[in-house]
Amino acid sequence: MSLAADSKFHVLAVDDSLIDRKLIERLLKISSYQVTTVDSGSKALQFLGLHEDEQSNPETPSVSPEHNQEVEVNLIITDYCMPGMTGYDLLKKIKESSSLRNIPVVIMSSENVPSRITRCLEEGAEEFFLKPVQLSDLNKLKPHMLKTKVNTQKQENEEINEDVGKSESCPQLQQQRPSPSPPPPSQSPQQPPANNNKRKAMEEGLSPDRTRPRYNNITTMV
């Protein structure tokens, strides 16, 4: 297995033939792709995080765990005829995985069998290349990777928006938000009892009956 670290798109190449694996690796690097190569479908699944215990050899792990966590695969190109797990079987495993089904898969074969080509394309393969693969064939890969990258970003944005909408409409979150405190009730000023008594006394002192002099039984002299 080899890994180049300075490319934008990362291609996982799967082929049990060492010669064909080296050839496809060289062509991909010429096309400025980051390349990881493995020699079986089971090792490809291990690299992608899908383990096939009955197919893989636990004594020879295909990739270290940190690579599996940090490296994003943008496209898989695999040989059709391989022992144990064929390229068609690998294609089916990838398309059955909810986390990997969006990765474009390209099949290679040295045999031009129309029924085989049709079956792979119907299963979800993007391209079917006849060996030996040419540099011109690899020019067809980038549009598939660009399309997948755009769709992935769109899906991530939709998931973010959906999460934001759920958080805004969640009753529990709304209950946790502090509600504004009501304004304090207005209190009308109360007159002290002493003032009321004083005012009452003043009103009684200014009443007409008290201020007017009484002239009853008084004779006025002219």
C-alpha atoms as a PDB file:
ATOM      1  CA  MET A   1       0.000   0.000   0.000  1.00  0.00           C
ATOM      2  CA  SER A   2       1.175   3.507  -0.720  1.00  0.00           C
ATOM      3  CA  LEU A   3      -0.168   6.901   0.207  1.00  0.00           C
ATOM      4  CA  ALA A   4       0.526  10.287  -1.341  1.00  0.00           C
ATOM      5  CA  ALA A   5      -0.449  13.243   0.835  1.00  0.00           C
ATOM      6  CA  ASP A   6      -0.486  16.385  -1.345  1.00  0.00           C
ATOM      7  CA  SER A   7      -3.545  16.004  -3.585  1.00  0.00           C
ATOM      8  CA  LYS A   8      -7.049  17.349  -3.486  1.00  0.00           C
ATOM      9  CA  PHE A   9      -8.936  14.157  -4.310  1.00  0.00           C
ATOM     10  CA  HIS A  10      -8.195  10.789  -2.768  1.00  0.00           C
ATOM     11  CA  VAL A  11      -8.648   7.584  -4.789  1.00  0.00           C
ATOM     12  CA  LEU A  12      -8.649   4.087  -3.321  1.00  0.00           C
ATOM     13  CA  ALA A  13      -7.326   1.612  -5.931  1.00  0.00           C
ATOM     14  CA  VAL A  14      -8.054  -2.110  -5.472  1.00  0.00           C
ATOM     15  CA  ASP A  15      -6.329  -4.809  -7.532  1.00  0.00           C
ATOM     16  CA  ASP A  16      -4.836  -8.183  -6.669  1.00  0.00           C
ATOM     17  CA  SER A  17      -2.288  -7.897  -9.498  1.00  0.00           C
ATOM     18  CA  LEU A  18       0.878  -6.099  -8.387  1.00  0.00           C
ATOM     19  CA  ILE A  19       1.691  -4.961 -11.943  1.00  0.00           C
ATOM     20  CA  ASP A  20      -1.797  -3.556 -12.564  1.00  0.00           C
ATOM     21  CA  ARG A  21      -1.836  -1.974  -9.116  1.00  0.00           C
ATOM     22  CA  LYS A  22       1.457  -0.175  -9.754  1.00  0.00           C
ATOM     23  CA  LEU A  23       0.231   0.975 -13.161  1.00  0.00           C
ATOM     24  CA  ILE A  24      -3.011   2.460 -11.901  1.00  0.00           C
ATOM     25  CA  GLU A  25      -1.161   4.056  -8.999  1.00  0.00           C
ATOM     26  CA  ARG A  26       1.296   5.755 -11.347  1.00  0.00           C
ATOM     27  CA  LEU A  27      -1.455   7.004 -13.653  1.00  0.00           C
ATOM     28  CA  LEU A  28      -3.449   8.407 -10.759  1.00  0.00           C
ATOM     29  CA  LYS A  29      -0.422  10.226  -9.375  1.00  0.00           C
ATOM     30  CA  ILE A  30       0.310  11.695 -12.802  1.00  0.00           C
ATOM     31  CA  SER A  31      -3.267  13.008 -12.708  1.00  0.00           C
ATOM     32  CA  SER A  32      -2.482  14.663  -9.339  1.00  0.00           C
ATOM     33  CA  TYR A  33      -4.640  12.402  -7.220  1.00  0.00           C
ATOM     34  CA  GLN A  34      -3.869  11.188  -3.730  1.00  0.00           C
ATOM     35  CA  VAL A  35      -3.672   7.385  -3.993  1.00  0.00           C
ATOM     36  CA  THR A  36      -4.072   4.481  -1.609  1.00  0.00           C
ATOM     37  CA  THR A  37      -3.651   0.963  -3.026  1.00  0.00           C
ATOM     38  CA  VAL A  38      -4.787  -2.360  -1.535  1.00  0.00           C
ATOM     39  CA  ASP A  39      -4.696  -5.872  -2.980  1.00  0.00           C
ATOM     40  CA  SER A  40      -8.157  -7.182  -2.042  1.00  0.00           C
ATOM     41  CA  GLY A  41     -11.753  -6.160  -1.568  1.00  0.00           C
ATOM     42  CA  SER A  42     -11.698  -7.113   2.110  1.00  0.00           C
ATOM     43  CA  LYS A  43      -8.757  -4.790   2.758  1.00  0.00           C
ATOM     44  CA  ALA A  44     -10.577  -2.044   0.927  1.00  0.00           C
ATOM     45  CA  LEU A  45     -13.534  -2.498   3.266  1.00  0.00           C
ATOM     46  CA  GLN A  46     -11.188  -2.421   6.250  1.00  0.00           C
ATOM     47  CA  PHE A  47      -9.712   0.844   5.045  1.00  0.00           C
ATOM     48  CA  LEU A  48     -13.215   2.254   4.625  1.00  0.00           C
ATOM     49  CA  GLY A  49     -14.219   1.070   8.085  1.00  0.00           C
ATOM     50  CA  LEU A  50     -16.349  -1.939   7.041  1.00  0.00           C
ATOM     51  CA  HIS A  51     -14.809  -5.161   8.354  1.00  0.00           C
ATOM     52  CA  GLU A  52     -15.517  -8.537   6.759  1.00  0.00           C
ATOM     53  CA  ASP A  53     -14.301 -11.038   9.354  1.00  0.00           C
ATOM     54  CA  GLU A  54     -14.856 -14.052   7.181  1.00  0.00           C
ATOM     55  CA  GLN A  55     -12.889 -12.539   4.295  1.00  0.00           C
ATOM     56  CA  SER A  56     -10.064 -10.618   5.929  1.00  0.00           C
ATOM     57  CA  ASN A  57      -6.943 -11.987   7.544  1.00  0.00           C
ATOM     58  CA  PRO A  58      -6.687 -10.540  11.067  1.00  0.00           C
ATOM     59  CA  GLU A  59      -2.916 -11.140  11.132  1.00  0.00           C
ATOM     60  CA  THR A  60      -2.287  -8.725   8.271  1.00  0.00           C
ATOM     61  CA  PRO A  61      -4.260  -5.516   8.820  1.00  0.00           C
ATOM     62  CA  SER A  62      -4.501  -3.442   5.680  1.00  0.00           C
ATOM     63  CA  VAL A  63      -4.271   0.020   7.208  1.00  0.00           C
ATOM     64  CA  SER A  64      -3.584   1.632  10.525  1.00  0.00           C
ATOM     65  CA  PRO A  65      -6.591   2.964  12.461  1.00  0.00           C
ATOM     66  CA  GLU A  66      -5.502   6.594  12.237  1.00  0.00           C
ATOM     67  CA  HIS A  67      -5.537   6.449   8.437  1.00  0.00           C
ATOM     68  CA  ASN A  68      -9.029   5.040   8.493  1.00  0.00           C
ATOM     69  CA  GLN A  69     -10.207   7.942  10.630  1.00  0.00           C
ATOM     70  CA  GLU A  70      -8.406  10.836   8.969  1.00  0.00           C
ATOM     71  CA  VAL A  71      -8.351  10.092   5.221  1.00  0.00           C
ATOM     72  CA  GLU A  72     -11.425  10.787   3.156  1.00  0.00           C
ATOM     73  CA  VAL A  73     -11.953   8.619   0.064  1.00  0.00           C
ATOM     74  CA  ASN A  74     -13.452  10.465  -2.912  1.00  0.00           C
ATOM     75  CA  LEU A  75     -13.478   7.565  -5.394  1.00  0.00           C
ATOM     76  CA  ILE A  76     -12.851   3.810  -5.511  1.00  0.00           C
ATOM     77  CA  ILE A  77     -11.458   2.098  -8.578  1.00  0.00           C
ATOM     78  CA  THR A  78     -11.359  -1.690  -8.391  1.00  0.00           C
ATOM     79  CA  ASP A  79     -10.539  -4.689 -10.538  1.00  0.00           C
ATOM     80  CA  TYR A  80     -13.477  -6.955 -11.337  1.00  0.00           C
ATOM     81  CA  CYS A  81     -11.757 -10.358 -11.119  1.00  0.00           C
ATOM     82  CA  MET A  82     -10.168 -10.842  -7.700  1.00  0.00           C
ATOM     83  CA  PRO A  83      -9.988 -13.911  -5.440  1.00  0.00           C
ATOM     84  CA  GLY A  84     -12.261 -14.014  -2.399  1.00  0.00           C
ATOM     85  CA  MET A  85     -14.234 -10.856  -3.060  1.00  0.00           C
ATOM     86  CA  THR A  86     -14.734  -9.680  -6.632  1.00  0.00           C
ATOM     87  CA  GLY A  87     -14.981  -6.072  -7.665  1.00  0.00           C
ATOM     88  CA  TYR A  88     -18.705  -6.583  -8.159  1.00  0.00           C
ATOM     89  CA  ASP A  89     -19.062  -7.875  -4.584  1.00  0.00           C
ATOM     90  CA  LEU A  90     -17.107  -4.866  -3.299  1.00  0.00           C
ATOM     91  CA  LEU A  91     -19.366  -2.561  -5.301  1.00  0.00           C
ATOM     92  CA  LYS A  92     -22.466  -4.097  -3.717  1.00  0.00           C
ATOM     93  CA  LYS A  93     -21.033  -3.805  -0.201  1.00  0.00           C
ATOM     94  CA  ILE A  94     -20.288  -0.121  -0.719  1.00  0.00           C
ATOM     95  CA  LYS A  95     -23.701   0.692  -2.171  1.00  0.00           C
ATOM     96  CA  GLU A  96     -25.408  -1.160   0.678  1.00  0.00           C
ATOM     97  CA  SER A  97     -23.622   0.980   3.259  1.00  0.00           C
ATOM     98  CA  SER A  98     -25.455   4.142   4.292  1.00  0.00           C
ATOM     99  CA  SER A  99     -22.160   5.886   5.043  1.00  0.00           C
ATOM    100  CA  LEU A 100     -20.305   4.838   1.861  1.00  0.00           C
ATOM    101  CA  ARG A 101     -22.964   4.614  -0.841  1.00  0.00           C
ATOM    102  CA  ASN A 102     -22.245   8.118  -2.133  1.00  0.00           C
ATOM    103  CA  ILE A 103     -18.614   7.297  -2.952  1.00  0.00           C
ATOM    104  CA  PRO A 104     -18.251   6.811  -6.734  1.00  0.00           C
ATOM    105  CA  VAL A 105     -17.037   3.344  -7.765  1.00  0.00           C
ATOM    106  CA  VAL A 106     -15.279   2.522 -11.058  1.00  0.00           C
ATOM    107  CA  ILE A 107     -14.734  -1.068 -12.231  1.00  0.00           C
ATOM    108  CA  MET A 108     -11.739  -2.272 -14.285  1.00  0.00           C
ATOM    109  CA  SER A 109     -11.498  -5.539 -16.201  1.00  0.00           C
ATOM    110  CA  SER A 110      -9.281  -7.109 -18.856  1.00  0.00           C
ATOM    111  CA  GLU A 111     -12.329  -8.949 -20.258  1.00  0.00           C
ATOM    112  CA  ASN A 112     -14.899  -7.161 -22.381  1.00  0.00           C
ATOM    113  CA  VAL A 113     -18.068  -8.958 -21.286  1.00  0.00           C
ATOM    114  CA  PRO A 114     -21.205  -6.872 -22.022  1.00  0.00           C
ATOM    115  CA  SER A 115     -23.372  -8.634 -19.421  1.00  0.00           C
ATOM    116  CA  ARG A 116     -20.711  -7.996 -16.773  1.00  0.00           C
ATOM    117  CA  ILE A 117     -20.468  -4.336 -17.704  1.00  0.00           C
ATOM    118  CA  THR A 118     -24.253  -3.927 -17.650  1.00  0.00           C
ATOM    119  CA  ARG A 119     -24.568  -5.611 -14.279  1.00  0.00           C
ATOM    120  CA  CYS A 120     -21.954  -3.353 -12.686  1.00  0.00           C
ATOM    121  CA  LEU A 121     -23.477  -0.175 -14.110  1.00  0.00           C
ATOM    122  CA  GLU A 122     -26.935  -1.215 -12.934  1.00  0.00           C
ATOM    123  CA  GLU A 123     -25.559  -1.863  -9.463  1.00  0.00           C
ATOM    124  CA  GLY A 124     -24.260   1.713  -9.275  1.00  0.00           C
ATOM    125  CA  ALA A 125     -20.792   1.804 -10.870  1.00  0.00           C
ATOM    126  CA  GLU A 126     -19.969   5.132 -12.489  1.00  0.00           C
ATOM    127  CA  GLU A 127     -17.644   3.766 -15.176  1.00  0.00           C
ATOM    128  CA  PHE A 128     -16.328   0.461 -16.503  1.00  0.00           C
ATOM    129  CA  PHE A 129     -12.764   0.636 -17.872  1.00  0.00           C
ATOM    130  CA  LEU A 130     -11.071  -2.044 -19.960  1.00  0.00           C
ATOM    131  CA  LYS A 131      -7.468  -2.853 -19.074  1.00  0.00           C
ATOM    132  CA  PRO A 132      -4.891  -1.636 -19.618  1.00  0.00           C
ATOM    133  CA  VAL A 133      -6.299   1.602 -18.224  1.00  0.00           C
ATOM    134  CA  GLN A 134      -5.176   4.684 -20.134  1.00  0.00           C
ATOM    135  CA  LEU A 135      -4.487   8.172 -18.860  1.00  0.00           C
ATOM    136  CA  SER A 136      -7.408   9.394 -20.966  1.00  0.00           C
ATOM    137  CA  ASP A 137      -9.712   7.074 -19.003  1.00  0.00           C
ATOM    138  CA  LEU A 138      -8.768   8.745 -15.750  1.00  0.00           C
ATOM    139  CA  ASN A 139      -9.878  12.113 -17.107  1.00  0.00           C
ATOM    140  CA  LYS A 140     -13.444  10.814 -16.645  1.00  0.00           C
ATOM    141  CA  LEU A 141     -12.998  10.450 -12.883  1.00  0.00           C
ATOM    142  CA  LYS A 142     -12.911  14.065 -11.755  1.00  0.00           C
ATOM    143  CA  PRO A 143     -16.510  14.976 -12.779  1.00  0.00           C
ATOM    144  CA  HIS A 144     -17.816  12.105 -10.654  1.00  0.00           C
ATOM    145  CA  MET A 145     -15.802  13.253  -7.649  1.00  0.00           C
ATOM    146  CA  LEU A 146     -16.837  16.880  -8.067  1.00  0.00           C
ATOM    147  CA  LYS A 147     -20.490  15.893  -8.292  1.00  0.00           C
ATOM    148  CA  THR A 148     -20.224  13.763  -5.168  1.00  0.00           C
ATOM    149  CA  LYS A 149     -18.425  16.515  -3.263  1.00  0.00           C
ATOM    150  CA  VAL A 150     -21.141  19.057  -4.095  1.00  0.00           C
ATOM    151  CA  ASN A 151     -23.913  16.632  -3.128  1.00  0.00           C
ATOM    152  CA  THR A 152     -22.157  15.809   0.139  1.00  0.00           C
ATOM    153  CA  GLN A 153     -21.794  19.468   1.064  1.00  0.00           C
ATOM    154  CA  LYS A 154     -25.428  20.083   0.173  1.00  0.00           C
ATOM    155  CA  GLN A 155     -26.531  17.167   2.328  1.00  0.00           C
ATOM    156  CA  GLU A 156     -24.427  18.390   5.257  1.00  0.00           C
ATOM    157  CA  ASN A 157     -25.942  21.865   4.976  1.00  0.00           C
ATOM    158  CA  GLU A 158     -29.451  20.394   4.935  1.00  0.00           C
ATOM    159  CA  GLU A 159     -28.684  18.346   8.044  1.00  0.00           C
ATOM    160  CA  ILE A 160     -27.335  21.438   9.823  1.00  0.00           C
ATOM    161  CA  ASN A 161     -30.448  23.431   8.921  1.00  0.00           C
ATOM    162  CA  GLU A 162     -32.651  20.563  10.065  1.00  0.00           C
ATOM    163  CA  ASP A 163     -30.860  20.392  13.413  1.00  0.00           C
ATOM    164  CA  VAL A 164     -31.246  24.145  13.876  1.00  0.00           C
ATOM    165  CA  GLY A 165     -34.959  23.902  13.102  1.00  0.00           C
ATOM    166  CA  LYS A 166     -35.426  21.089  15.598  1.00  0.00           C
ATOM    167  CA  SER A 167     -33.620  23.006  18.338  1.00  0.00           C
ATOM    168  CA  GLU A 168     -35.834  26.055  17.774  1.00  0.00           C
ATOM    169  CA  SER A 169     -39.073  24.042  17.865  1.00  0.00           C
ATOM    170  CA  CYS A 170     -38.139  21.754  20.758  1.00  0.00           C
ATOM    171  CA  PRO A 171     -40.466  22.431  23.748  1.00  0.00           C
ATOM    172  CA  GLN A 172     -37.813  21.359  26.241  1.00  0.00           C
ATOM    173  CA  LEU A 173     -35.379  23.936  24.931  1.00  0.00           C
ATOM    174  CA  GLN A 174     -38.062  26.580  25.003  1.00  0.00           C
ATOM    175  CA  GLN A 175     -38.832  25.735  28.623  1.00  0.00           C
ATOM    176  CA  GLN A 176     -35.178  26.123  29.515  1.00  0.00           C
ATOM    177  CA  ARG A 177     -35.060  29.605  28.089  1.00  0.00           C
ATOM    178  CA  PRO A 178     -35.634  32.206  30.866  1.00  0.00           C
ATOM    179  CA  SER A 179     -38.938  34.027  30.441  1.00  0.00           C
ATOM    180  CA  PRO A 180     -38.917  37.798  30.915  1.00  0.00           C
ATOM    181  CA  SER A 181     -39.908  38.787  34.449  1.00  0.00           C
ATOM    182  CA  PRO A 182     -43.192  40.758  34.684  1.00  0.00           C
ATOM    183  CA  PRO A 183     -42.921  44.424  35.643  1.00  0.00           C
ATOM    184  CA  PRO A 184     -43.517  45.182  39.324  1.00  0.00           C
ATOM    185  CA  PRO A 185     -47.143  46.147  40.112  1.00  0.00           C
ATOM    186  CA  SER A 186     -47.730  49.843  40.311  1.00  0.00           C
ATOM    187  CA  GLN A 187     -48.503  51.072  43.794  1.00  0.00           C
ATOM    188  CA  SER A 188     -50.627  54.166  44.282  1.00  0.00           C
ATOM    189  CA  PRO A 189     -49.288  56.440  47.000  1.00  0.00           C
ATOM    190  CA  GLN A 190     -51.282  56.323  50.185  1.00  0.00           C
ATOM    191  CA  GLN A 191     -51.895  59.405  52.268  1.00  0.00           C
ATOM    192  CA  PRO A 192     -50.762  59.010  55.833  1.00  0.00           C
ATOM    193  CA  PRO A 193     -53.642  58.932  58.293  1.00  0.00           C
ATOM    194  CA  ALA A 194     -52.359  62.065  59.999  1.00  0.00           C
ATOM    195  CA  ASN A 195     -52.651  64.075  56.788  1.00  0.00           C
ATOM    196  CA  ASN A 196     -56.209  62.840  56.241  1.00  0.00           C
ATOM    197  CA  ASN A 197     -57.204  63.890  59.745  1.00  0.00           C
ATOM    198  CA  LYS A 198     -55.557  67.266  59.340  1.00  0.00           C
ATOM    199  CA  ARG A 199     -57.308  67.822  56.026  1.00  0.00           C
ATOM    200  CA  LYS A 200     -60.652  66.850  57.561  1.00  0.00           C
ATOM    201  CA  ALA A 201     -60.131  69.244  60.438  1.00  0.00           C
ATOM    202  CA  MET A 202     -59.332  72.068  58.057  1.00  0.00           C
ATOM    203  CA  GLU A 203     -62.456  71.421  56.035  1.00  0.00           C
ATOM    204  CA  GLU A 204     -64.589  71.475  59.193  1.00  0.00           C
ATOM    205  CA  GLY A 205     -62.963  74.734  60.350  1.00  0.00           C
ATOM    206  CA  LEU A 206     -63.737  76.426  57.022  1.00  0.00           C
ATOM    207  CA  SER A 207     -67.395  75.349  56.909  1.00  0.00           C
ATOM    208  CA  PRO A 208     -69.966  78.252  56.628  1.00  0.00           C
ATOM    209  CA  ASP A 209     -71.675  77.354  59.889  1.00  0.00           C
ATOM    210  CA  ARG A 210     -68.524  77.918  61.875  1.00  0.00           C
ATOM    211  CA  THR A 211     -67.190  81.037  60.153  1.00  0.00           C
ATOM    212  CA  ARG A 212     -70.378  83.111  59.964  1.00  0.00           C
ATOM    213  CA  PRO A 213     -71.263  85.054  63.177  1.00  0.00           C
ATOM    214  CA  ARG A 214     -74.680  84.481  64.650  1.00  0.00           C
ATOM    215  CA  TYR A 215     -76.901  87.622  64.791  1.00  0.00           C
ATOM    216  CA  ASN A 216     -80.032  86.121  66.233  1.00  0.00           C
ATOM    217  CA  ASN A 217     -81.861  88.231  68.851  1.00  0.00           C
ATOM    218  CA  ILE A 218     -79.713  91.327  68.149  1.00  0.00           C
ATOM    219  CA  THR A 219     -81.545  94.696  67.441  1.00  0.00           C
ATOM    220  CA  THR A 220     -79.913  97.034  65.021  1.00  0.00           C
ATOM    221  CA  MET A 221     -80.068 100.677  65.881  1.00  0.00           C
ATOM    222  CA  VAL A 222     -80.486 103.270  63.041  1.00  0.00           C
END
